[in-house]
Protein backbone atom coordinates (compact mmCIF):
# COMPACT_ATOMS: atom_id res chain seq x y z
CA MET A 1 27.39 -15.79 -11.82
CA THR A 2 27.40 -12.06 -12.34
CA ALA A 3 30.07 -9.75 -10.72
CA ARG A 4 28.19 -7.47 -7.99
CA THR A 5 29.58 -3.92 -7.97
CA THR A 6 28.93 -1.48 -4.80
CA PRO A 7 26.41 1.12 -5.98
CA THR A 8 28.25 4.41 -6.69
CA VAL A 9 26.47 7.72 -6.12
CA ARG A 10 26.09 9.21 -9.93
CA GLY A 11 25.43 12.80 -8.40
CA THR A 12 23.16 14.48 -5.85
CA ALA A 13 20.63 16.86 -5.97
CA HIS A 14 19.03 19.41 -3.43
CA THR A 15 16.45 21.68 -2.69
CA GLY A 16 15.64 24.69 -0.45
CA GLY A 17 19.59 25.12 0.06
CA ARG A 18 19.59 22.65 3.04
CA ARG A 19 21.59 19.74 2.59
CA THR A 20 20.92 16.21 3.69
CA SER A 21 23.56 14.74 6.16
CA ALA A 22 25.86 12.72 4.29
CA GLY A 23 25.04 9.92 6.94
CA CYS A 24 21.43 9.73 5.55
CA ALA A 25 22.60 8.98 2.04
CA ALA A 26 25.30 6.53 3.34
CA VAL A 27 22.56 4.47 5.17
CA GLY A 28 20.58 4.50 1.90
CA GLU A 29 23.59 3.08 -0.19
CA ARG A 30 24.17 0.58 2.35
CA THR A 31 20.55 -0.87 2.26
CA ILE A 32 21.05 -1.07 -1.68
CA HIS A 33 24.89 -2.59 -1.30
CA GLY A 34 23.06 -5.14 1.14
CA VAL A 35 20.59 -6.40 -1.16
CA THR A 36 22.95 -6.47 -4.01
CA HIS A 37 25.44 -8.46 -1.92
CA ARG A 38 22.59 -10.59 -0.20
CA GLU A 39 23.63 -9.36 3.05
CA PHE A 40 19.90 -10.03 4.22
CA THR A 41 20.85 -11.13 7.78
CA LYS A 42 22.44 -7.75 8.50
CA LEU A 43 19.78 -5.20 6.66
CA PRO A 44 17.31 -5.34 9.47
CA GLU A 45 19.76 -3.59 11.51
CA LEU A 46 19.74 -0.54 9.13
CA TYR A 47 16.12 -0.05 10.19
CA ALA A 48 14.53 1.16 13.34
CA GLU A 49 12.74 -1.30 15.66
CA ASP A 50 9.41 0.13 14.44
CA ALA A 51 10.26 1.01 10.82
CA VAL A 52 7.52 0.96 8.28
CA VAL A 53 8.55 -0.22 4.75
CA GLU A 54 5.66 0.27 2.13
CA HIS A 55 5.92 -1.36 -1.60
CA PRO A 56 3.12 0.51 -3.06
CA PHE A 57 3.33 -1.50 -6.48
CA ALA A 58 3.17 -5.04 -4.89
CA PRO A 59 0.34 -6.89 -5.41
CA VAL A 60 -2.96 -5.86 -3.11
CA GLY A 61 -2.83 -8.24 -0.25
CA SER A 62 0.65 -9.58 -0.72
CA PRO A 63 2.73 -9.66 2.60
CA GLU A 64 5.31 -7.62 0.84
CA ARG A 65 2.98 -4.42 0.33
CA LEU A 66 3.18 -3.39 4.11
CA LEU A 67 6.08 -4.41 6.65
CA ARG A 68 5.95 -3.18 9.86
CA GLY A 69 9.07 -3.44 12.35
CA ARG A 70 12.18 -5.42 11.90
CA ASP A 71 10.73 -8.81 12.50
CA GLU A 72 8.86 -8.20 9.35
CA LEU A 73 11.47 -7.16 7.68
CA ARG A 74 13.79 -10.17 8.68
CA GLU A 75 11.37 -12.41 7.19
CA HIS A 76 10.74 -10.31 4.13
CA PHE A 77 14.65 -10.36 3.39
CA SER A 78 14.64 -14.14 4.06
CA ARG A 79 12.01 -14.80 1.44
CA VAL A 80 14.21 -12.55 -1.03
CA LEU A 81 17.34 -14.72 0.05
CA THR A 82 15.46 -17.70 -1.35
CA ARG A 83 14.47 -16.12 -4.78
CA GLY A 84 17.74 -16.95 -6.26
CA LEU A 85 18.61 -13.39 -7.88
CA ASP A 86 21.76 -11.98 -8.84
CA MET A 87 21.52 -8.44 -8.92
CA ARG A 88 23.68 -5.30 -9.02
CA ALA A 89 22.55 -1.61 -8.35
CA GLU A 90 23.22 0.84 -11.21
CA ASP A 91 22.60 4.44 -12.02
CA LEU A 92 22.20 5.56 -8.35
CA LEU A 93 21.36 9.04 -7.94
CA VAL A 94 20.62 10.52 -4.31
CA HIS A 95 18.40 13.47 -4.02
CA GLU A 96 18.66 15.57 -0.89
CA THR A 97 15.36 17.29 0.16
CA ALA A 98 14.61 20.17 2.18
CA ASP A 99 13.71 17.94 4.88
CA PRO A 100 17.08 16.60 6.55
CA GLU A 101 15.66 13.52 7.50
CA VAL A 102 14.52 12.28 4.03
CA ILE A 103 16.30 11.27 0.62
CA ILE A 104 15.18 10.17 -2.46
CA ALA A 105 17.02 7.32 -4.16
CA GLU A 106 16.85 6.48 -7.65
CA PHE A 107 18.41 3.74 -9.35
CA ASN A 108 18.10 0.39 -11.47
CA TYR A 109 18.66 -3.29 -10.08
CA ARG A 110 20.04 -5.60 -13.14
CA GLY A 111 21.04 -9.16 -13.32
CA ARG A 112 19.88 -12.51 -13.63
CA VAL A 113 17.61 -15.11 -12.11
CA ALA A 114 20.27 -17.66 -11.05
CA ALA A 115 18.33 -20.89 -11.91
CA THR A 116 16.94 -19.57 -15.49
CA ALA A 117 19.39 -16.82 -16.21
CA GLU A 118 16.35 -14.78 -17.00
CA PRO A 119 17.50 -11.16 -17.16
CA ILE A 120 16.26 -8.56 -14.39
CA GLU A 121 15.91 -4.91 -14.73
CA ILE A 122 13.84 -3.19 -11.86
CA ALA A 123 13.58 0.64 -12.17
CA CYS A 124 13.37 2.04 -8.28
CA VAL A 125 12.66 5.14 -6.63
CA PHE A 126 12.93 4.78 -2.79
CA VAL A 127 11.71 7.82 -0.42
CA ILE A 128 13.66 7.11 2.81
CA ARG A 129 13.23 8.83 6.33
CA LEU A 130 16.07 8.47 8.74
CA ARG A 131 16.26 9.29 12.45
CA ASP A 132 19.14 8.55 14.57
CA GLY A 133 21.07 6.82 11.67
CA ARG A 134 18.17 4.11 11.21
CA ILE A 135 15.55 4.00 8.52
CA VAL A 136 12.21 4.94 10.10
CA SER A 137 10.11 4.81 6.83
CA SER A 138 10.61 3.95 3.34
CA ARG A 139 8.47 3.97 0.47
CA ASP A 140 10.04 1.57 -2.29
CA HIS A 141 8.82 1.93 -5.53
CA ALA A 142 9.86 -0.59 -7.96
CA HIS A 143 8.78 -1.07 -11.61
CA ARG A 144 8.05 -4.66 -11.51
CA ALA A 145 6.67 -5.06 -15.25
CA ALA A 146 10.08 -5.94 -16.08
CA SER A 147 10.91 -8.17 -13.41
CA PRO A 148 10.15 -11.68 -12.36
CA PRO A 149 7.10 -12.01 -9.74
CA GLY A 150 8.38 -11.77 -6.33
CA SER A 151 11.85 -10.25 -7.22
CA CYS A 152 11.24 -7.24 -4.69
């Protein structure tokens, strides 16, 4: 089994002279940490009750493409749990934006499929909007060409 590491911020960027609160970046980092440490039962609590999560690169018609609310997020994370992936997040870079509710996280998931030892490498860019300490929306762009089907 591959050792998991807590994602570390490689750096931050900001625009317009306004800095995003450290709390927004921390929630984004906790989300990534929750995925890599398989804390799927805790992850939905990081999201607002009516959160919307989009996976624009998921196949059209896939239930993963658009998730609405915590119940659909719970189902999503339950499916991810059964996939047997051993991943870590690397090269995390959090970009702060002119909008204090929005961060952009760039990172790579790397690891293996536990059953086959097939390597996984998924380049990700997440655009996350937070309000009152919870994720209200996220557009999770994941380059799936380098990953096994259903990995995100």
